[in-house]
Protein backbone atom coordinates (compact mmCIF):
# COMPACT_ATOMS: atom_id res chain seq x y z
CA MET A 1 -19.95 -7.54 -2.18
CA THR A 2 -22.25 -5.53 0.12
CA ALA A 3 -23.24 -7.27 3.36
CA GLN A 4 -26.70 -7.81 4.50
CA PRO A 5 -27.55 -5.93 7.73
CA GLY A 6 -26.07 -7.72 10.47
CA GLY A 7 -23.87 -9.86 7.92
CA PHE A 8 -20.39 -10.46 7.95
CA ASP A 9 -18.69 -7.99 5.37
CA LEU A 10 -15.31 -9.65 4.46
CA PRO A 11 -14.02 -6.53 2.47
CA ASN A 12 -14.68 -4.19 5.43
CA VAL A 13 -13.13 -6.65 7.95
CA MET A 14 -10.01 -6.72 5.91
CA PHE A 15 -10.01 -2.88 5.44
CA SER A 16 -10.19 -2.36 9.08
CA VAL A 17 -7.14 -4.66 10.04
CA ARG A 18 -5.01 -3.79 7.02
CA SER A 19 -2.37 -1.80 9.00
CA TYR A 20 -2.00 -4.72 11.47
CA SER A 21 -1.95 -7.66 9.06
CA PRO A 22 1.89 -7.04 7.86
CA ILE A 23 2.98 -7.35 11.45
CA PRO A 24 3.44 -11.14 11.48
CA PHE A 25 5.37 -11.01 8.18
CA LEU A 26 7.61 -8.36 9.37
CA ILE A 27 8.28 -10.07 12.57
CA MET A 28 9.18 -13.32 10.76
CA MET A 29 11.70 -11.40 8.36
CA VAL A 30 13.34 -10.04 11.31
CA LEU A 31 13.42 -13.28 13.41
CA PHE A 32 14.60 -15.45 10.41
CA SER A 33 16.86 -12.77 8.84
CA ARG A 34 20.09 -13.89 6.97
CA PRO A 35 21.10 -10.57 5.42
CA THR A 36 24.14 -10.07 3.22
CA LEU A 37 25.37 -6.45 2.28
CA THR A 38 24.21 -6.95 -1.34
CA SER A 39 20.66 -7.97 -0.21
CA VAL A 40 20.62 -5.14 2.25
CA LEU A 41 21.46 -2.54 -0.45
CA ILE A 42 19.22 -3.94 -3.20
CA GLY A 43 16.10 -4.41 -0.72
CA PHE A 44 16.46 -1.00 0.72
CA ILE A 45 16.22 0.50 -2.80
CA ILE A 46 13.04 -1.43 -3.41
CA VAL A 47 11.69 -0.24 0.07
CA LEU A 48 12.53 3.30 -1.04
CA VAL A 49 10.79 3.11 -4.25
CA GLY A 50 7.65 1.56 -2.52
CA GLU A 51 7.75 4.27 0.13
CA CYS A 52 8.19 7.00 -2.37
CA ILE A 53 5.04 5.93 -4.24
CA ARG A 54 3.09 5.61 -0.91
CA PHE A 55 4.33 9.02 0.32
CA TRP A 56 3.30 10.59 -2.97
CA GLY A 57 -0.25 9.14 -2.77
CA VAL A 58 -0.74 9.84 0.85
CA SER A 59 0.38 13.55 0.39
CA LEU A 60 -2.58 13.76 -2.09
CA ALA A 61 -5.20 11.68 -0.36
CA GLY A 62 -4.28 12.76 3.28
CA ALA A 63 -5.50 11.52 6.44
CA GLU A 64 -8.43 9.56 4.96
CA THR A 65 -5.78 6.70 4.10
CA ARG A 66 -5.46 6.05 7.95
CA THR A 67 -9.32 5.26 8.63
CA THR A 68 -9.94 2.10 10.08
CA GLY A 69 -13.76 1.99 9.88
CA THR A 70 -15.50 1.10 6.87
CA VAL A 71 -14.40 1.77 3.30
CA GLY A 72 -15.05 5.28 1.76
CA GLY A 73 -13.74 8.56 0.60
CA THR A 74 -14.51 12.12 0.30
CA TYR A 75 -12.83 12.60 -3.00
CA LEU A 76 -12.36 10.97 -6.39
CA ILE A 77 -8.58 11.52 -6.75
CA THR A 78 -7.13 10.76 -10.33
CA ASN A 79 -4.09 12.97 -10.31
CA GLY A 80 -0.59 12.25 -9.18
CA PRO A 81 0.15 8.49 -8.73
CA PHE A 82 -3.52 7.76 -9.08
CA ALA A 83 -3.26 8.86 -12.55
CA TYR A 84 -0.72 5.93 -13.22
CA VAL A 85 -2.31 3.17 -10.95
CA ARG A 86 -5.49 3.04 -9.08
CA ASN A 87 -4.07 1.89 -5.87
CA PRO A 88 -0.58 3.29 -5.40
CA LEU A 89 -0.70 2.97 -1.74
CA TYR A 90 -1.14 -0.81 -1.94
CA VAL A 91 1.43 -1.06 -4.83
CA GLY A 92 3.66 0.93 -2.64
CA ASN A 93 2.96 -1.25 0.27
CA MET A 94 3.65 -4.53 -1.49
CA LEU A 95 7.04 -3.11 -2.91
CA VAL A 96 8.08 -2.25 0.75
CA TYR A 97 7.18 -5.74 1.99
CA ILE A 98 9.21 -7.22 -0.97
CA GLY A 99 12.03 -4.98 -0.25
CA VAL A 100 12.13 -5.86 3.47
CA GLY A 101 12.12 -9.52 2.46
CA VAL A 102 15.09 -9.13 0.09
CA MET A 103 16.84 -7.07 2.88
CA SER A 104 16.46 -9.89 5.40
CA MET A 105 16.77 -12.87 3.01
CA ALA A 106 14.52 -14.64 5.65
CA LEU A 107 13.33 -18.00 4.33
CA PHE A 108 13.90 -16.75 0.86
CA PRO A 109 11.94 -16.59 -1.56
CA TRP A 110 9.08 -18.55 0.13
CA LEU A 111 8.39 -15.94 2.80
CA ILE A 112 8.16 -13.11 0.18
CA LEU A 113 5.96 -15.20 -1.95
CA ILE A 114 3.56 -16.21 0.78
CA ALA A 115 3.28 -12.73 1.88
CA LEU A 116 2.64 -11.33 -1.85
CA VAL A 117 0.06 -13.82 -2.37
CA TRP A 118 -1.67 -12.77 0.97
CA PHE A 119 -1.46 -9.01 0.08
CA VAL A 120 -2.85 -9.52 -3.17
CA PHE A 121 -5.65 -11.54 -1.84
CA GLN A 122 -6.29 -9.17 1.12
CA TYR A 123 -6.04 -5.94 -1.06
CA THR A 124 -8.22 -7.48 -3.83
CA LEU A 125 -10.87 -8.05 -1.23
CA ILE A 126 -10.57 -4.42 0.05
CA ILE A 127 -10.65 -2.91 -3.34
CA THR A 128 -13.93 -4.61 -4.27
CA GLY A 129 -15.54 -2.93 -1.27
CA GLU A 130 -13.61 0.49 -2.13
CA GLU A 131 -14.73 0.28 -5.76
CA GLU A 132 -18.44 -0.45 -4.91
CA TYR A 133 -18.57 2.59 -2.79
CA LEU A 134 -16.64 4.92 -5.54
CA ARG A 135 -18.91 3.64 -8.13
CA ALA A 136 -22.03 4.38 -6.18
CA THR A 137 -20.66 7.79 -5.14
CA PHE A 138 -18.84 9.22 -8.18
CA GLY A 139 -20.87 7.35 -10.86
CA GLU A 140 -19.76 7.73 -14.47
CA SER A 141 -16.54 9.68 -13.72
CA TYR A 142 -15.30 6.73 -11.63
CA VAL A 143 -16.42 4.20 -14.33
CA HIS A 144 -14.54 6.07 -16.81
CA TYR A 145 -11.43 6.22 -14.83
CA CYS A 146 -11.50 2.42 -13.96
CA GLY A 147 -11.73 1.88 -17.70
CA ALA A 148 -8.58 3.70 -18.33
CA VAL A 149 -6.34 2.94 -15.16
CA HIS A 150 -5.53 -0.50 -13.75
CA ARG A 151 -5.87 -1.60 -10.29
CA PHE A 152 -2.24 -2.67 -9.78
CA ILE A 153 -0.44 -2.40 -13.03
CA PRO A 154 0.88 1.28 -13.71
CA ARG A 155 0.06 2.55 -17.01
CA MET A 156 2.91 4.47 -18.86
CA ILE A 157 1.14 7.72 -19.71
CA PRO A 158 -0.96 9.62 -16.97
CA TYR A 159 -4.62 9.58 -16.89
CA ARG A 160 -6.10 12.95 -17.71
CA SER A 161 -9.47 13.78 -16.05
CA THR A 162 -11.92 16.28 -17.57
CA GLN A 163 -12.54 17.56 -14.17
CA LEU A 164 -10.38 19.75 -11.96
CA SER A 165 -8.62 17.60 -9.20
CA PRO A 166 -10.06 18.27 -5.78
CA LYS A 167 -6.70 17.73 -4.12
CA THR A 168 -2.86 18.66 -4.57
CA VAL A 169 0.30 17.43 -3.05
CA ASN A 170 0.76 18.48 0.75
CA ILE A 171 3.94 17.41 2.04
CA ARG A 172 3.04 18.34 5.63
CA GLU A 173 -0.19 16.28 5.57
CA GLY A 174 1.82 13.33 4.00
CA LEU A 175 4.39 13.43 6.80
CA ASP A 176 1.65 13.45 9.46
CA SER A 177 -0.06 10.55 7.89
CA GLU A 178 3.16 8.61 7.13
CA LYS A 179 4.80 8.93 10.66
CA ARG A 180 3.96 5.18 11.83
CA THR A 181 4.99 3.88 8.50
CA LEU A 182 8.29 5.55 8.38
CA GLN A 183 8.90 4.64 11.88
CA ALA A 184 8.24 1.00 11.20
CA ILE A 185 10.59 1.02 8.15
CA GLY A 186 13.36 2.46 10.03
CA LEU A 187 13.02 -0.10 12.95
CA VAL A 188 12.93 -3.06 10.70
CA THR A 189 15.86 -1.63 8.65
CA ILE A 190 17.96 -0.91 11.82
CA ALA A 191 17.16 -4.40 13.27
CA ILE A 192 18.26 -6.07 9.84
CA VAL A 193 21.56 -3.96 9.72
CA ILE A 194 22.32 -4.87 13.17
CA ILE A 195 21.86 -8.62 12.44
CA LEU A 196 24.07 -8.11 9.37
CA VAL A 197 26.81 -6.52 11.35
CA LEU A 198 26.60 -9.09 14.25
CA ARG A 199 26.79 -12.00 11.83
């Protein structure tokens, strides 16, 4: 998937815009929102689960999760949520989007399904670029990790690396990195609750 010099590198393009691609879906989920008390409660629980997975991963990976240039990474992290699934942040993102969709009940269930298909497509493209980089950088350690841990489907027993983890959970770093995500979740949730109250 490596682009030729001067060529079009779709995985890197998708990587660089990954923070902005959810915006149209979130706007539609608010504009077409038809929430009920039950949908808001169930959806918010799903959002919380997704954000907890995200926060756990970001608290380990740190500020590198916010880069908008090309794919890359300083460390091979295989502990924490990465011991269960290779891409916990993307899994967490999809749960957050599903949760917001359930909260809003906007064009339900079609908007959720379209968003889910889009994000699986986008993240799969991004992951191909990330995996190419990680394989070239970390070699056999990453190949072994890939053979044991799935991209999106969590394993029941955590992966145990023979190497000492280069990173540990840092709550402050996680909070610094997650400010925008937490603000976005808060604003969307407030908007949906206001719509629920006014209906």
